[in-house]
């Protein structure tokens, strides 16, 4: 299911990525604590992510460097990505 992912630079919220897509983090929209939390999980600007599961209104399961992580919808909304 393709969702509205229009932006000037081609980036969109991770929350809008479809299952099976591979994306790269282009920016993080949050404060220092939010960024530090993501970095501690291995999610930095430039990180490649595979969308394993994306259920509407719920958690997202993503693959990062061989690991799988659950992200809450609010957290995923603050991560901008581009399709690889």
Protein backbone atom coordinates (compact mmCIF):
# COMPACT_ATOMS: atom_id res chain seq x y z
CA UNK A 1 0.00 0.00 0.00
CA UNK A 2 1.57 3.29 -1.10
CA UNK A 3 0.81 6.18 1.23
CA UNK A 4 1.17 9.92 0.69
CA UNK A 5 4.93 10.39 0.87
CA UNK A 6 5.42 13.64 -1.02
CA UNK A 7 8.14 16.07 0.07
CA UNK A 8 10.51 18.44 -1.65
CA UNK A 9 13.61 16.36 -0.95
CA UNK A 10 12.09 12.90 -1.46
CA UNK A 11 12.15 12.05 2.24
CA UNK A 12 9.17 10.93 4.30
CA UNK A 13 8.39 9.61 7.74
CA UNK A 14 9.56 6.07 8.45
CA UNK A 15 5.98 5.40 9.60
CA UNK A 16 4.87 5.67 5.95
CA UNK A 17 7.32 3.06 4.63
CA UNK A 18 5.84 -0.14 3.25
CA UNK A 19 6.69 -3.63 4.43
CA UNK A 20 9.57 -5.05 2.42
CA UNK A 21 11.05 -1.66 1.49
CA UNK A 22 14.65 -0.77 2.16
CA UNK A 23 15.22 2.83 3.26
CA UNK A 24 18.03 5.05 4.55
CA UNK A 25 17.65 7.50 7.42
CA UNK A 26 17.94 11.05 6.04
CA UNK A 27 17.17 13.05 9.19
CA UNK A 28 15.96 12.80 12.78
CA UNK A 29 13.34 15.18 14.14
CA UNK A 30 13.80 15.25 17.88
CA UNK A 31 15.89 16.47 20.75
CA UNK A 32 19.20 15.29 22.12
CA UNK A 33 17.69 12.50 24.23
CA UNK A 34 15.73 11.17 21.26
CA UNK A 35 18.82 11.17 19.05
CA UNK A 36 20.94 9.52 21.74
CA UNK A 37 18.35 6.79 22.19
CA UNK A 38 18.33 6.05 18.47
CA UNK A 39 22.13 6.04 18.27
CA UNK A 40 22.25 3.56 21.16
CA UNK A 41 20.03 1.26 19.05
CA UNK A 42 22.29 1.66 15.99
CA UNK A 43 20.02 4.10 14.15
CA UNK A 44 21.96 7.09 12.79
CA UNK A 45 21.56 9.38 9.81
CA UNK A 46 22.73 7.25 6.91
CA UNK A 47 21.70 3.91 8.46
CA UNK A 48 20.00 1.45 6.11
CA UNK A 49 16.75 -0.08 7.37
CA UNK A 50 14.58 -2.90 6.03
CA UNK A 51 10.87 -2.66 6.93
CA UNK A 52 9.85 -6.08 8.24
CA UNK A 53 6.43 -5.23 9.64
CA UNK A 54 4.38 -2.02 9.64
CA UNK A 55 0.93 -2.27 11.14
CA UNK A 56 -1.24 0.84 11.10
CA UNK A 57 -1.32 2.55 14.47
CA UNK A 58 1.09 0.09 16.08
CA UNK A 59 4.71 -0.80 16.43
CA UNK A 60 7.06 -1.24 13.50
CA UNK A 61 9.51 -4.10 13.21
CA UNK A 62 12.64 -3.07 11.31
CA UNK A 63 15.88 -4.80 10.42
CA UNK A 64 19.14 -2.93 10.99
CA UNK A 65 22.55 -4.52 10.39
CA UNK A 66 21.27 -8.04 11.02
CA UNK A 67 19.28 -7.11 14.12
CA UNK A 68 15.53 -6.60 14.44
CA UNK A 69 14.12 -3.70 16.42
CA UNK A 70 10.59 -2.67 17.39
CA UNK A 71 9.88 1.05 17.13
CA UNK A 72 6.76 2.75 18.41
CA UNK A 73 4.68 4.73 15.94
CA UNK A 74 5.55 8.05 17.58
CA UNK A 75 9.26 7.34 17.33
CA UNK A 76 8.94 6.19 13.71
CA UNK A 77 7.08 9.42 12.86
CA UNK A 78 10.15 11.47 13.87
CA UNK A 79 12.58 9.57 11.64
CA UNK A 80 12.76 10.77 8.01
CA UNK A 81 13.90 8.28 5.37
CA UNK A 82 14.45 7.96 1.63
CA UNK A 83 13.91 4.82 -0.44
CA UNK A 84 17.08 3.01 -1.54
